[in-house]
Amino acid sequence: MFINSKNMEHYAWTLGLTRMISAVFRRSSDVAFVAEELKAVFDPRGGAWMQGRYVPSLLAAIGDIVERHLTGLIVAEAPAKAFEPQARPLPLCPQCGASSLIKVEGCNNCLECGYSKCS
């Protein structure tokens, strides 16, 4: 598995992740759990909109791609699109009014003031 990026800020992290996933794929016959584990990761700063749907983190996006490869939905190699938030604003926080409300583990949380629906 390879992840290419011009951003060198997380080089060691992405290299370690790709080596770990590749090692698991080489040593195990049932690797579907890898995609499920990655797809369950939420970024507390919020995810991004990719191809018309919300992806909760970069790792979740990688898990989705791994799952699509495993199920045969990706036939030809295509360069992955950059994981960048699109111009869709986040919902408004009921406490501070900022457009920074994200859902983490089923709870609405504000990135600005720390409001949490579950607290």
PDB file of N, CA and C in Angstrom:
ATOM      1  N   MET A   1       0.845  -1.162   0.000  1.00  0.00           N
ATOM      2  CA  MET A   1       0.000   0.000   0.000  1.00  0.00           C
ATOM      3  C   MET A   1       0.893   1.228   0.000  1.00  0.00           C
ATOM      4  N   PHE A   2       0.488   2.253  -0.768  1.00  0.00           N
ATOM      5  CA  PHE A   2       1.257   3.485  -0.853  1.00  0.00           C
ATOM      6  C   PHE A   2       0.333   4.684  -0.696  1.00  0.00           C
ATOM      7  N   ILE A   3       0.797   5.691   0.024  1.00  0.00           N
ATOM      8  CA  ILE A   3       0.098   6.972   0.124  1.00  0.00           C
ATOM      9  C   ILE A   3       1.107   8.030  -0.277  1.00  0.00           C
ATOM     10  N   ASN A   4       0.790   8.787  -1.314  1.00  0.00           N
ATOM     11  CA  ASN A   4       1.674   9.854  -1.767  1.00  0.00           C
ATOM     12  C   ASN A   4       1.119  11.200  -1.338  1.00  0.00           C
ATOM     13  N   SER A   5       1.982  12.075  -0.888  1.00  0.00           N
ATOM     14  CA  SER A   5       1.567  13.411  -0.492  1.00  0.00           C
ATOM     15  C   SER A   5       2.742  14.368  -0.644  1.00  0.00           C
ATOM     16  N   LYS A   6       2.430  15.588  -1.006  1.00  0.00           N
ATOM     17  CA  LYS A   6       3.454  16.628  -1.049  1.00  0.00           C
ATOM     18  C   LYS A   6       3.684  17.207   0.339  1.00  0.00           C
ATOM     19  N   ASN A   7       2.754  16.949   1.247  1.00  0.00           N
ATOM     20  CA  ASN A   7       2.835  17.457   2.611  1.00  0.00           C
ATOM     21  C   ASN A   7       3.753  16.550   3.428  1.00  0.00           C
ATOM     22  N   MET A   8       4.899  17.041   3.806  1.00  0.00           N
ATOM     23  CA  MET A   8       5.876  16.242   4.545  1.00  0.00           C
ATOM     24  C   MET A   8       5.660  16.306   6.056  1.00  0.00           C
ATOM     25  N   GLU A   9       4.647  17.049   6.499  1.00  0.00           N
ATOM     26  CA  GLU A   9       4.390  17.215   7.924  1.00  0.00           C
ATOM     27  C   GLU A   9       4.104  15.889   8.622  1.00  0.00           C
ATOM     28  N   HIS A  10       3.414  14.988   7.949  1.00  0.00           N
ATOM     29  CA  HIS A  10       3.029  13.716   8.553  1.00  0.00           C
ATOM     30  C   HIS A  10       3.691  12.538   7.837  1.00  0.00           C
ATOM     31  N   TYR A  11       4.880  12.738   7.307  1.00  0.00           N
ATOM     32  CA  TYR A  11       5.554  11.707   6.522  1.00  0.00           C
ATOM     33  C   TYR A  11       5.744  10.417   7.324  1.00  0.00           C
ATOM     34  N   ALA A  12       6.290  10.514   8.525  1.00  0.00           N
ATOM     35  CA  ALA A  12       6.564   9.319   9.322  1.00  0.00           C
ATOM     36  C   ALA A  12       5.262   8.592   9.665  1.00  0.00           C
ATOM     37  N   TRP A  13       4.226   9.341   9.975  1.00  0.00           N
ATOM     38  CA  TRP A  13       2.928   8.755  10.319  1.00  0.00           C
ATOM     39  C   TRP A  13       2.352   7.985   9.133  1.00  0.00           C
ATOM     40  N   THR A  14       2.343   8.584   7.953  1.00  0.00           N
ATOM     41  CA  THR A  14       1.769   7.905   6.789  1.00  0.00           C
ATOM     42  C   THR A  14       2.633   6.714   6.368  1.00  0.00           C
ATOM     43  N   LEU A  15       3.932   6.847   6.451  1.00  0.00           N
ATOM     44  CA  LEU A  15       4.816   5.733   6.115  1.00  0.00           C
ATOM     45  C   LEU A  15       4.581   4.563   7.069  1.00  0.00           C
ATOM     46  N   GLY A  16       4.500   4.842   8.358  1.00  0.00           N
ATOM     47  CA  GLY A  16       4.232   3.795   9.337  1.00  0.00           C
ATOM     48  C   GLY A  16       2.883   3.133   9.110  1.00  0.00           C
ATOM     49  N   LEU A  17       1.867   3.930   8.807  1.00  0.00           N
ATOM     50  CA  LEU A  17       0.529   3.387   8.557  1.00  0.00           C
ATOM     51  C   LEU A  17       0.524   2.475   7.340  1.00  0.00           C
ATOM     52  N   THR A  18       1.139   2.907   6.261  1.00  0.00           N
ATOM     53  CA  THR A  18       1.125   2.085   5.051  1.00  0.00           C
ATOM     54  C   THR A  18       1.923   0.795   5.248  1.00  0.00           C
ATOM     55  N   ARG A  19       3.027   0.863   5.972  1.00  0.00           N
ATOM     56  CA  ARG A  19       3.799  -0.357   6.241  1.00  0.00           C
ATOM     57  C   ARG A  19       3.015  -1.323   7.117  1.00  0.00           C
ATOM     58  N   MET A  20       2.301  -0.793   8.115  1.00  0.00           N
ATOM     59  CA  MET A  20       1.523  -1.651   8.998  1.00  0.00           C
ATOM     60  C   MET A  20       0.381  -2.326   8.234  1.00  0.00           C
ATOM     61  N   ILE A  21      -0.339  -1.567   7.427  1.00  0.00           N
ATOM     62  CA  ILE A  21      -1.440  -2.150   6.656  1.00  0.00           C
ATOM     63  C   ILE A  21      -0.904  -3.201   5.686  1.00  0.00           C
ATOM     64  N   SER A  22       0.202  -2.895   5.015  1.00  0.00           N
ATOM     65  CA  SER A  22       0.787  -3.857   4.074  1.00  0.00           C
ATOM     66  C   SER A  22       1.215  -5.136   4.792  1.00  0.00           C
ATOM     67  N   ALA A  23       1.792  -4.997   5.991  1.00  0.00           N
ATOM     68  CA  ALA A  23       2.218  -6.179   6.749  1.00  0.00           C
ATOM     69  C   ALA A  23       1.023  -7.034   7.145  1.00  0.00           C
ATOM     70  N   VAL A  24      -0.055  -6.412   7.573  1.00  0.00           N
ATOM     71  CA  VAL A  24      -1.262  -7.159   7.941  1.00  0.00           C
ATOM     72  C   VAL A  24      -1.811  -7.883   6.722  1.00  0.00           C
ATOM     73  N   PHE A  25      -1.837  -7.208   5.579  1.00  0.00           N
ATOM     74  CA  PHE A  25      -2.359  -7.820   4.353  1.00  0.00           C
ATOM     75  C   PHE A  25      -1.522  -9.023   3.929  1.00  0.00           C
ATOM     76  N   ARG A  26      -0.206  -8.970   4.145  1.00  0.00           N
ATOM     77  CA  ARG A  26       0.657 -10.078   3.757  1.00  0.00           C
ATOM     78  C   ARG A  26       0.514 -11.277   4.687  1.00  0.00           C
ATOM     79  N   ARG A  27       0.161 -11.050   5.952  1.00  0.00           N
ATOM     80  CA  ARG A  27       0.175 -12.118   6.941  1.00  0.00           C
ATOM     81  C   ARG A  27      -1.189 -12.664   7.332  1.00  0.00           C
ATOM     82  N   SER A  28      -2.253 -12.087   6.837  1.00  0.00           N
ATOM     83  CA  SER A  28      -3.573 -12.526   7.254  1.00  0.00           C
ATOM     84  C   SER A  28      -4.455 -12.788   6.042  1.00  0.00           C
ATOM     85  N   SER A  29      -5.294 -13.800   6.147  1.00  0.00           N
ATOM     86  CA  SER A  29      -6.201 -14.084   5.028  1.00  0.00           C
ATOM     87  C   SER A  29      -7.480 -13.272   5.135  1.00  0.00           C
ATOM     88  N   ASP A  30      -7.873 -12.891   6.342  1.00  0.00           N
ATOM     89  CA  ASP A  30      -9.084 -12.094   6.538  1.00  0.00           C
ATOM     90  C   ASP A  30      -8.676 -10.688   6.965  1.00  0.00           C
ATOM     91  N   VAL A  31      -8.655  -9.761   6.014  1.00  0.00           N
ATOM     92  CA  VAL A  31      -8.168  -8.406   6.287  1.00  0.00           C
ATOM     93  C   VAL A  31      -9.281  -7.359   6.282  1.00  0.00           C
ATOM     94  N   ALA A  32     -10.530  -7.780   6.208  1.00  0.00           N
ATOM     95  CA  ALA A  32     -11.646  -6.829   6.162  1.00  0.00           C
ATOM     96  C   ALA A  32     -11.699  -5.951   7.409  1.00  0.00           C
ATOM     97  N   PHE A  33     -11.210  -6.465   8.540  1.00  0.00           N
ATOM     98  CA  PHE A  33     -11.244  -5.697   9.773  1.00  0.00           C
ATOM     99  C   PHE A  33     -10.415  -4.409   9.679  1.00  0.00           C
ATOM    100  N   VAL A  34      -9.390  -4.403   8.837  1.00  0.00           N
ATOM    101  CA  VAL A  34      -8.539  -3.221   8.695  1.00  0.00           C
ATOM    102  C   VAL A  34      -9.369  -2.033   8.212  1.00  0.00           C
ATOM    103  N   ALA A  35     -10.170  -2.233   7.188  1.00  0.00           N
ATOM    104  CA  ALA A  35     -11.008  -1.155   6.663  1.00  0.00           C
ATOM    105  C   ALA A  35     -12.000  -0.686   7.723  1.00  0.00           C
ATOM    106  N   GLU A  36     -12.608  -1.615   8.439  1.00  0.00           N
ATOM    107  CA  GLU A  36     -13.594  -1.251   9.465  1.00  0.00           C
ATOM    108  C   GLU A  36     -12.956  -0.429  10.578  1.00  0.00           C
ATOM    109  N   GLU A  37     -11.771  -0.829  11.020  1.00  0.00           N
ATOM    110  CA  GLU A  37     -11.084  -0.085  12.086  1.00  0.00           C
ATOM    111  C   GLU A  37     -10.730   1.333  11.633  1.00  0.00           C
ATOM    112  N   LEU A  38     -10.221   1.463  10.414  1.00  0.00           N
ATOM    113  CA  LEU A  38      -9.864   2.789   9.916  1.00  0.00           C
ATOM    114  C   LEU A  38     -11.093   3.669   9.724  1.00  0.00           C
ATOM    115  N   LYS A  39     -12.167   3.092   9.229  1.00  0.00           N
ATOM    116  CA  LYS A  39     -13.388   3.866   8.991  1.00  0.00           C
ATOM    117  C   LYS A  39     -14.028   4.360  10.287  1.00  0.00           C
ATOM    118  N   ALA A  40     -13.681   3.768  11.415  1.00  0.00           N
ATOM    119  CA  ALA A  40     -14.253   4.153  12.702  1.00  0.00           C
ATOM    120  C   ALA A  40     -13.520   5.318  13.367  1.00  0.00           C
ATOM    121  N   VAL A  41     -12.440   5.827  12.750  1.00  0.00           N
ATOM    122  CA  VAL A  41     -11.654   6.910  13.345  1.00  0.00           C
ATOM    123  C   VAL A  41     -12.278   8.263  13.008  1.00  0.00           C
ATOM    124  N   PHE A  42     -12.546   9.067  14.044  1.00  0.00           N
ATOM    125  CA  PHE A  42     -13.100  10.404  13.876  1.00  0.00           C
ATOM    126  C   PHE A  42     -12.052  11.431  14.258  1.00  0.00           C
ATOM    127  N   ASP A  43     -11.893  12.455  13.438  1.00  0.00           N
ATOM    128  CA  ASP A  43     -10.986  13.557  13.735  1.00  0.00           C
ATOM    129  C   ASP A  43     -11.747  14.565  14.587  1.00  0.00           C
ATOM    130  N   PRO A  44     -11.276  14.893  15.787  1.00  0.00           N
ATOM    131  CA  PRO A  44     -12.003  15.827  16.640  1.00  0.00           C
ATOM    132  C   PRO A  44     -12.117  17.232  16.032  1.00  0.00           C
ATOM    133  N   ARG A  45     -11.271  17.546  15.070  1.00  0.00           N
ATOM    134  CA  ARG A  45     -11.350  18.852  14.396  1.00  0.00           C
ATOM    135  C   ARG A  45     -12.355  18.843  13.256  1.00  0.00           C
ATOM    136  N   GLY A  46     -12.938  17.692  12.990  1.00  0.00           N
ATOM    137  CA  GLY A  46     -13.915  17.576  11.912  1.00  0.00           C
ATOM    138  C   GLY A  46     -13.301  16.899  10.707  1.00  0.00           C
ATOM    139  N   GLY A  47     -14.156  16.327   9.897  1.00  0.00           N
ATOM    140  CA  GLY A  47     -13.708  15.633   8.695  1.00  0.00           C
ATOM    141  C   GLY A  47     -13.823  16.534   7.483  1.00  0.00           C
ATOM    142  N   ALA A  48     -14.257  15.952   6.385  1.00  0.00           N
ATOM    143  CA  ALA A  48     -14.364  16.708   5.134  1.00  0.00           C
ATOM    144  C   ALA A  48     -15.431  16.078   4.258  1.00  0.00           C
ATOM    145  N   TRP A  49     -15.894  16.851   3.301  1.00  0.00           N
ATOM    146  CA  TRP A  49     -16.848  16.345   2.318  1.00  0.00           C
ATOM    147  C   TRP A  49     -16.058  15.849   1.126  1.00  0.00           C
ATOM    148  N   MET A  50     -16.253  14.580   0.782  1.00  0.00           N
ATOM    149  CA  MET A  50     -15.558  13.986  -0.353  1.00  0.00           C
ATOM    150  C   MET A  50     -16.584  13.319  -1.258  1.00  0.00           C
ATOM    151  N   GLN A  51     -16.610  13.724  -2.485  1.00  0.00           N
ATOM    152  CA  GLN A  51     -17.500  13.146  -3.492  1.00  0.00           C
ATOM    153  C   GLN A  51     -18.942  13.105  -2.996  1.00  0.00           C
ATOM    154  N   GLY A  52     -19.378  14.202  -2.376  1.00  0.00           N
ATOM    155  CA  GLY A  52     -20.763  14.350  -1.961  1.00  0.00           C
ATOM    156  C   GLY A  52     -21.147  13.699  -0.644  1.00  0.00           C
ATOM    157  N   ARG A  53     -20.177  13.162   0.109  1.00  0.00           N
ATOM    158  CA  ARG A  53     -20.518  12.590   1.409  1.00  0.00           C
ATOM    159  C   ARG A  53     -19.464  12.965   2.436  1.00  0.00           C
ATOM    160  N   TYR A  54     -19.887  13.022   3.689  1.00  0.00           N
ATOM    161  CA  TYR A  54     -19.004  13.426   4.779  1.00  0.00           C
ATOM    162  C   TYR A  54     -18.130  12.257   5.213  1.00  0.00           C
ATOM    163  N   VAL A  55     -16.829  12.500   5.299  1.00  0.00           N
ATOM    164  CA  VAL A  55     -15.862  11.508   5.763  1.00  0.00           C
ATOM    165  C   VAL A  55     -15.276  12.063   7.058  1.00  0.00           C
ATOM    166  N   PRO A  56     -15.382  11.333   8.184  1.00  0.00           N
ATOM    167  CA  PRO A  56     -15.020  11.885   9.486  1.00  0.00           C
ATOM    168  C   PRO A  56     -13.527  12.088   9.751  1.00  0.00           C
ATOM    169  N   SER A  57     -12.645  11.526   8.916  1.00  0.00           N
ATOM    170  CA  SER A  57     -11.204  11.720   9.122  1.00  0.00           C
ATOM    171  C   SER A  57     -10.441  11.228   7.897  1.00  0.00           C
ATOM    172  N   LEU A  58      -9.173  11.580   7.843  1.00  0.00           N
ATOM    173  CA  LEU A  58      -8.311  11.080   6.770  1.00  0.00           C
ATOM    174  C   LEU A  58      -8.194   9.566   6.859  1.00  0.00           C
ATOM    175  N   LEU A  59      -8.070   9.041   8.076  1.00  0.00           N
ATOM    176  CA  LEU A  59      -7.984   7.586   8.239  1.00  0.00           C
ATOM    177  C   LEU A  59      -9.262   6.901   7.789  1.00  0.00           C
ATOM    178  N   ALA A  60     -10.405   7.516   8.037  1.00  0.00           N
ATOM    179  CA  ALA A  60     -11.669   6.939   7.566  1.00  0.00           C
ATOM    180  C   ALA A  60     -11.717   6.920   6.041  1.00  0.00           C
ATOM    181  N   ALA A  61     -11.168   7.957   5.412  1.00  0.00           N
ATOM    182  CA  ALA A  61     -11.114   7.986   3.942  1.00  0.00           C
ATOM    183  C   ALA A  61     -10.227   6.858   3.420  1.00  0.00           C
ATOM    184  N   ILE A  62      -9.106   6.622   4.090  1.00  0.00           N
ATOM    185  CA  ILE A  62      -8.217   5.533   3.691  1.00  0.00           C
ATOM    186  C   ILE A  62      -8.926   4.195   3.904  1.00  0.00           C
ATOM    187  N   GLY A  63      -9.644   4.037   5.009  1.00  0.00           N
ATOM    188  CA  GLY A  63     -10.405   2.815   5.268  1.00  0.00           C
ATOM    189  C   GLY A  63     -11.455   2.563   4.201  1.00  0.00           C
ATOM    190  N   ASP A  64     -12.099   3.633   3.735  1.00  0.00           N
ATOM    191  CA  ASP A  64     -13.098   3.499   2.677  1.00  0.00           C
ATOM    192  C   ASP A  64     -12.457   3.016   1.380  1.00  0.00           C
ATOM    193  N   ILE A  65     -11.294   3.549   1.057  1.00  0.00           N
ATOM    194  CA  ILE A  65     -10.587   3.132  -0.164  1.00  0.00           C
ATOM    195  C   ILE A  65     -10.138   1.677  -0.044  1.00  0.00           C
ATOM    196  N   VAL A  66      -9.617   1.303   1.131  1.00  0.00           N
ATOM    197  CA  VAL A  66      -9.209  -0.090   1.351  1.00  0.00           C
ATOM    198  C   VAL A  66     -10.413  -1.013   1.195  1.00  0.00           C
ATOM    199  N   GLU A  67     -11.549  -0.640   1.773  1.00  0.00           N
ATOM    200  CA  GLU A  67     -12.754  -1.461   1.669  1.00  0.00           C
ATOM    201  C   GLU A  67     -13.207  -1.608   0.217  1.00  0.00           C
ATOM    202  N   ARG A  68     -13.165  -0.510  -0.536  1.00  0.00           N
ATOM    203  CA  ARG A  68     -13.574  -0.580  -1.937  1.00  0.00           C
ATOM    204  C   ARG A  68     -12.633  -1.478  -2.725  1.00  0.00           C
ATOM    205  N   HIS A  69     -11.342  -1.461  -2.425  1.00  0.00           N
ATOM    206  CA  HIS A  69     -10.393  -2.370  -3.089  1.00  0.00           C
ATOM    207  C   HIS A  69     -10.701  -3.818  -2.735  1.00  0.00           C
ATOM    208  N   LEU A  70     -10.993  -4.077  -1.470  1.00  0.00           N
ATOM    209  CA  LEU A  70     -11.253  -5.441  -1.022  1.00  0.00           C
ATOM    210  C   LEU A  70     -12.523  -6.010  -1.632  1.00  0.00           C
ATOM    211  N   THR A  71     -13.519  -5.164  -1.860  1.00  0.00           N
ATOM    212  CA  THR A  71     -14.785  -5.649  -2.413  1.00  0.00           C
ATOM    213  C   THR A  71     -14.812  -5.583  -3.930  1.00  0.00           C
ATOM    214  N   GLY A  72     -13.711  -5.147  -4.538  1.00  0.00           N
ATOM    215  CA  GLY A  72     -13.623  -5.125  -5.995  1.00  0.00           C
ATOM    216  C   GLY A  72     -14.314  -3.957  -6.654  1.00  0.00           C
ATOM    217  N   LEU A  73     -14.666  -2.928  -5.885  1.00  0.00           N
ATOM    218  CA  LEU A  73     -15.344  -1.777  -6.479  1.00  0.00           C
ATOM    219  C   LEU A  73     -14.373  -0.855  -7.215  1.00  0.00           C
ATOM    220  N   ILE A  74     -13.089  -0.986  -6.925  1.00  0.00           N
ATOM    221  CA  ILE A  74     -12.078  -0.196  -7.635  1.00  0.00           C
ATOM    222  C   ILE A  74     -11.336  -1.171  -8.532  1.00  0.00           C
ATOM    223  N   VAL A  75     -11.453  -0.995  -9.825  1.00  0.00           N
ATOM    224  CA  VAL A  75     -10.814  -1.928 -10.744  1.00  0.00           C
ATOM    225  C   VAL A  75      -9.485  -1.389 -11.244  1.00  0.00           C
ATOM    226  N   ALA A  76      -9.440  -0.150 -11.605  1.00  0.00           N
ATOM    227  CA  ALA A  76      -8.202   0.441 -12.109  1.00  0.00           C
ATOM    228  C   ALA A  76      -7.665   1.422 -11.080  1.00  0.00           C
ATOM    229  N   GLU A  77      -6.355   1.499 -10.994  1.00  0.00           N
ATOM    230  CA  GLU A  77      -5.734   2.449 -10.086  1.00  0.00           C
ATOM    231  C   GLU A  77      -5.994   3.868 -10.564  1.00  0.00           C
ATOM    232  N   ALA A  78      -6.444   4.699  -9.671  1.00  0.00           N
ATOM    233  CA  ALA A  78      -6.677   6.113  -9.965  1.00  0.00           C
ATOM    234  C   ALA A  78      -6.083   6.919  -8.833  1.00  0.00           C
ATOM    235  N   PRO A  79      -5.483   8.065  -9.137  1.00  0.00           N
ATOM    236  CA  PRO A  79      -4.912   8.865  -8.054  1.00  0.00           C
ATOM    237  C   PRO A  79      -6.011   9.326  -7.098  1.00  0.00           C
ATOM    238  N   ALA A  80      -5.740   9.213  -5.814  1.00  0.00           N
ATOM    239  CA  ALA A  80      -6.712   9.642  -4.808  1.00  0.00           C
ATOM    240  C   ALA A  80      -6.788  11.162  -4.783  1.00  0.00           C
ATOM    241  N   LYS A  81      -7.992  11.677  -4.592  1.00  0.00           N
ATOM    242  CA  LYS A  81      -8.166  13.123  -4.498  1.00  0.00           C
ATOM    243  C   LYS A  81      -7.688  13.589  -3.133  1.00  0.00           C
ATOM    244  N   ALA A  82      -7.223  14.805  -3.084  1.00  0.00           N
ATOM    245  CA  ALA A  82      -6.729  15.368  -1.832  1.00  0.00           C
ATOM    246  C   ALA A  82      -7.848  15.410  -0.802  1.00  0.00           C
ATOM    247  N   PHE A  83      -7.488  15.165   0.442  1.00  0.00           N
ATOM    248  CA  PHE A  83      -8.452  15.209   1.531  1.00  0.00           C
ATOM    249  C   PHE A  83      -8.508  16.641   2.025  1.00  0.00           C
ATOM    250  N   GLU A  84      -9.355  17.432   1.415  1.00  0.00           N
ATOM    251  CA  GLU A  84      -9.498  18.828   1.783  1.00  0.00           C
ATOM    252  C   GLU A  84     -10.961  19.134   2.007  1.00  0.00           C
ATOM    253  N   PRO A  85     -11.263  19.839   3.099  1.00  0.00           N
ATOM    254  CA  PRO A  85     -12.651  20.216   3.308  1.00  0.00           C
ATOM    255  C   PRO A  85     -13.153  21.071   2.157  1.00  0.00           C
ATOM    256  N   GLN A  86     -14.382  20.826   1.747  1.00  0.00           N
ATOM    257  CA  GLN A  86     -14.969  21.636   0.700  1.00  0.00           C
ATOM    258  C   GLN A  86     -15.719  22.786   1.344  1.00  0.00           C
ATOM    259  N   ALA A  87     -16.276  23.655   0.540  1.00  0.00           N
ATOM    260  CA  ALA A  87     -16.855  24.895   1.020  1.00  0.00           C
ATOM    261  C   ALA A  87     -18.207  24.737   1.711  1.00  0.00           C
ATOM    262  N   ARG A  88     -18.517  23.587   2.249  1.00  0.00           N
ATOM    263  CA  ARG A  88     -19.763  23.398   2.981  1.00  0.00           C
ATOM    264  C   ARG A  88     -19.538  23.739   4.441  1.00  0.00           C
ATOM    265  N   PRO A  89     -20.264  24.704   4.969  1.00  0.00           N
ATOM    266  CA  PRO A  89     -20.051  25.075   6.372  1.00  0.00           C
ATOM    267  C   PRO A  89     -20.603  24.031   7.325  1.00  0.00           C
ATOM    268  N   LEU A  90     -20.023  23.968   8.502  1.00  0.00           N
ATOM    269  CA  LEU A  90     -20.520  23.081   9.544  1.00  0.00           C
ATOM    270  C   LEU A  90     -21.776  23.687  10.150  1.00  0.00           C
ATOM    271  N   PRO A  91     -22.622  22.880  10.791  1.00  0.00           N
ATOM    272  CA  PRO A  91     -23.819  23.419  11.447  1.00  0.00           C
ATOM    273  C   PRO A  91     -23.452  24.421  12.547  1.00  0.00           C
ATOM    274  N   LEU A  92     -24.414  25.280  12.895  1.00  0.00           N
ATOM    275  CA  LEU A  92     -24.193  26.300  13.915  1.00  0.00           C
ATOM    276  C   LEU A  92     -24.310  25.714  15.318  1.00  0.00           C
ATOM    277  N   CYS A  93     -23.449  26.178  16.198  1.00  0.00           N
ATOM    278  CA  CYS A  93     -23.475  25.771  17.600  1.00  0.00           C
ATOM    279  C   CYS A  93     -24.626  26.502  18.300  1.00  0.00           C
ATOM    280  N   PRO A  94     -25.462  25.777  19.078  1.00  0.00           N
ATOM    281  CA  PRO A  94     -26.560  26.436  19.774  1.00  0.00           C
ATOM    282  C   PRO A  94     -26.096  27.327  20.930  1.00  0.00           C
ATOM    283  N   GLN A  95     -24.862  27.123  21.396  1.00  0.00           N
ATOM    284  CA  GLN A  95     -24.361  27.900  22.528  1.00  0.00           C
ATOM    285  C   GLN A  95     -23.662  29.179  22.087  1.00  0.00           C
ATOM    286  N   CYS A  96     -22.716  29.076  21.137  1.00  0.00           N
ATOM    287  CA  CYS A  96     -21.944  30.266  20.741  1.00  0.00           C
ATOM    288  C   CYS A  96     -22.301  30.772  19.346  1.00  0.00           C
ATOM    289  N   GLY A  97     -23.035  29.987  18.565  1.00  0.00           N
ATOM    290  CA  GLY A  97     -23.459  30.421  17.235  1.00  0.00           C
ATOM    291  C   GLY A  97     -22.423  30.251  16.140  1.00  0.00           C
ATOM    292  N   ALA A  98     -21.245  29.727  16.482  1.00  0.00           N
ATOM    293  CA  ALA A  98     -20.191  29.528  15.472  1.00  0.00           C
ATOM    294  C   ALA A  98     -20.547  28.359  14.563  1.00  0.00           C
ATOM    295  N   SER A  99     -20.112  28.422  13.350  1.00  0.00           N
ATOM    296  CA  SER A  99     -20.332  27.338  12.390  1.00  0.00           C
ATOM    297  C   SER A  99     -19.229  26.302  12.581  1.00  0.00           C
ATOM    298  N   SER A 100     -19.295  25.589  13.701  1.00  0.00           N
ATOM    299  CA  SER A 100     -18.221  24.647  14.027  1.00  0.00           C
ATOM    300  C   SER A 100     -18.734  23.442  14.805  1.00  0.00           C
ATOM    301  N   LEU A 101     -19.955  23.023  14.533  1.00  0.00           N
ATOM    302  CA  LEU A 101     -20.546  21.892  15.237  1.00  0.00           C
ATOM    303  C   LEU A 101     -20.265  20.606  14.466  1.00  0.00           C
ATOM    304  N   ILE A 102     -19.614  19.648  15.127  1.00  0.00           N
ATOM    305  CA  ILE A 102     -19.323  18.352  14.511  1.00  0.00           C
ATOM    306  C   ILE A 102     -19.905  17.248  15.377  1.00  0.00           C
ATOM    307  N   LYS A 103     -20.126  16.092  14.783  1.00  0.00           N
ATOM    308  CA  LYS A 103     -20.642  14.941  15.525  1.00  0.00           C
ATOM    309  C   LYS A 103     -19.486  13.983  15.777  1.00  0.00           C
ATOM    310  N   VAL A 104     -19.244  13.677  17.050  1.00  0.00           N
ATOM    311  CA  VAL A 104     -18.195  12.747  17.445  1.00  0.00           C
ATOM    312  C   VAL A 104     -18.838  11.696  18.346  1.00  0.00           C
ATOM    313  N   GLU A 105     -18.782  10.434  17.928  1.00  0.00           N
ATOM    314  CA  GLU A 105     -19.342   9.314  18.672  1.00  0.00           C
ATOM    315  C   GLU A 105     -20.787   9.575  19.083  1.00  0.00           C
ATOM    316  N   GLY A 106     -21.564  10.138  18.148  1.00  0.00           N
ATOM    317  CA  GLY A 106     -22.988  10.347  18.369  1.00  0.00           C
ATOM    318  C   GLY A 106     -23.355  11.621  19.099  1.00  0.00           C
ATOM    319  N   CYS A 107     -22.377  12.426  19.488  1.00  0.00           N
ATOM    320  CA  CYS A 107     -22.647  13.668  20.221  1.00  0.00           C
ATOM    321  C   CYS A 107     -22.235  14.870  19.383  1.00  0.00           C
ATOM    322  N   ASN A 108     -23.067  15.905  19.384  1.00  0.00           N
ATOM    323  CA  ASN A 108     -22.703  17.149  18.716  1.00  0.00           C
ATOM    324  C   ASN A 108     -21.734  17.910  19.610  1.00  0.00           C
ATOM    325  N   ASN A 109     -20.594  18.303  19.046  1.00  0.00           N
ATOM    326  CA  ASN A 109     -19.560  19.027  19.787  1.00  0.00           C
ATOM    327  C   ASN A 109     -19.143  20.257  19.008  1.00  0.00           C
ATOM    328  N   CYS A 110     -18.930  21.360  19.740  1.00  0.00           N
ATOM    329  CA  CYS A 110     -18.498  22.604  19.103  1.00  0.00           C
ATOM    330  C   CYS A 110     -16.982  22.729  19.200  1.00  0.00           C
ATOM    331  N   LEU A 111     -16.356  23.002  18.070  1.00  0.00           N
ATOM    332  CA  LEU A 111     -14.906  23.160  18.044  1.00  0.00           C
ATOM    333  C   LEU A 111     -14.468  24.505  18.610  1.00  0.00           C
ATOM    334  N   GLU A 112     -15.375  25.476  18.677  1.00  0.00           N
ATOM    335  CA  GLU A 112     -15.043  26.819  19.150  1.00  0.00           C
ATOM    336  C   GLU A 112     -15.140  26.935  20.674  1.00  0.00           C
ATOM    337  N   CYS A 113     -16.306  26.625  21.228  1.00  0.00           N
ATOM    338  CA  CYS A 113     -16.538  26.881  22.662  1.00  0.00           C
ATOM    339  C   CYS A 113     -16.506  25.619  23.519  1.00  0.00           C
ATOM    340  N   GLY A 114     -16.469  24.436  22.903  1.00  0.00           N
ATOM    341  CA  GLY A 114     -16.423  23.204  23.657  1.00  0.00           C
ATOM    342  C   GLY A 114     -17.780  22.640  24.039  1.00  0.00           C
ATOM    343  N   TYR A 115     -18.857  23.273  23.572  1.00  0.00           N
ATOM    344  CA  TYR A 115     -20.200  22.786  23.850  1.00  0.00           C
ATOM    345  C   TYR A 115     -20.330  21.323  23.406  1.00  0.00           C
ATOM    346  N   SER A 116     -21.038  20.521  24.216  1.00  0.00           N
ATOM    347  CA  SER A 116     -21.325  19.144  23.854  1.00  0.00           C
ATOM    348  C   SER A 116     -22.765  18.838  24.218  1.00  0.00           C
ATOM    349  N   LYS A 117     -23.495  18.275  23.269  1.00  0.00           N
ATOM    350  CA  LYS A 117     -24.897  17.914  23.516  1.00  0.00           C
ATOM    351  C   LYS A 117     -24.998  16.824  24.567  1.00  0.00           C
ATOM    352  N   CYS A 118     -23.977  15.999  24.692  1.00  0.00           N
ATOM    353  CA  CYS A 118     -24.020  14.856  25.605  1.00  0.00           C
ATOM    354  C   CYS A 118     -23.488  15.166  27.001  1.00  0.00           C
ATOM    355  N   SER A 119     -22.984  16.365  27.208  1.00  0.00           N
ATOM    356  CA  SER A 119     -22.420  16.687  28.541  1.00  0.00           C
ATOM    357  C   SER A 119     -23.489  17.152  29.486  1.00  0.00           C
TER     358      SER A 119
END
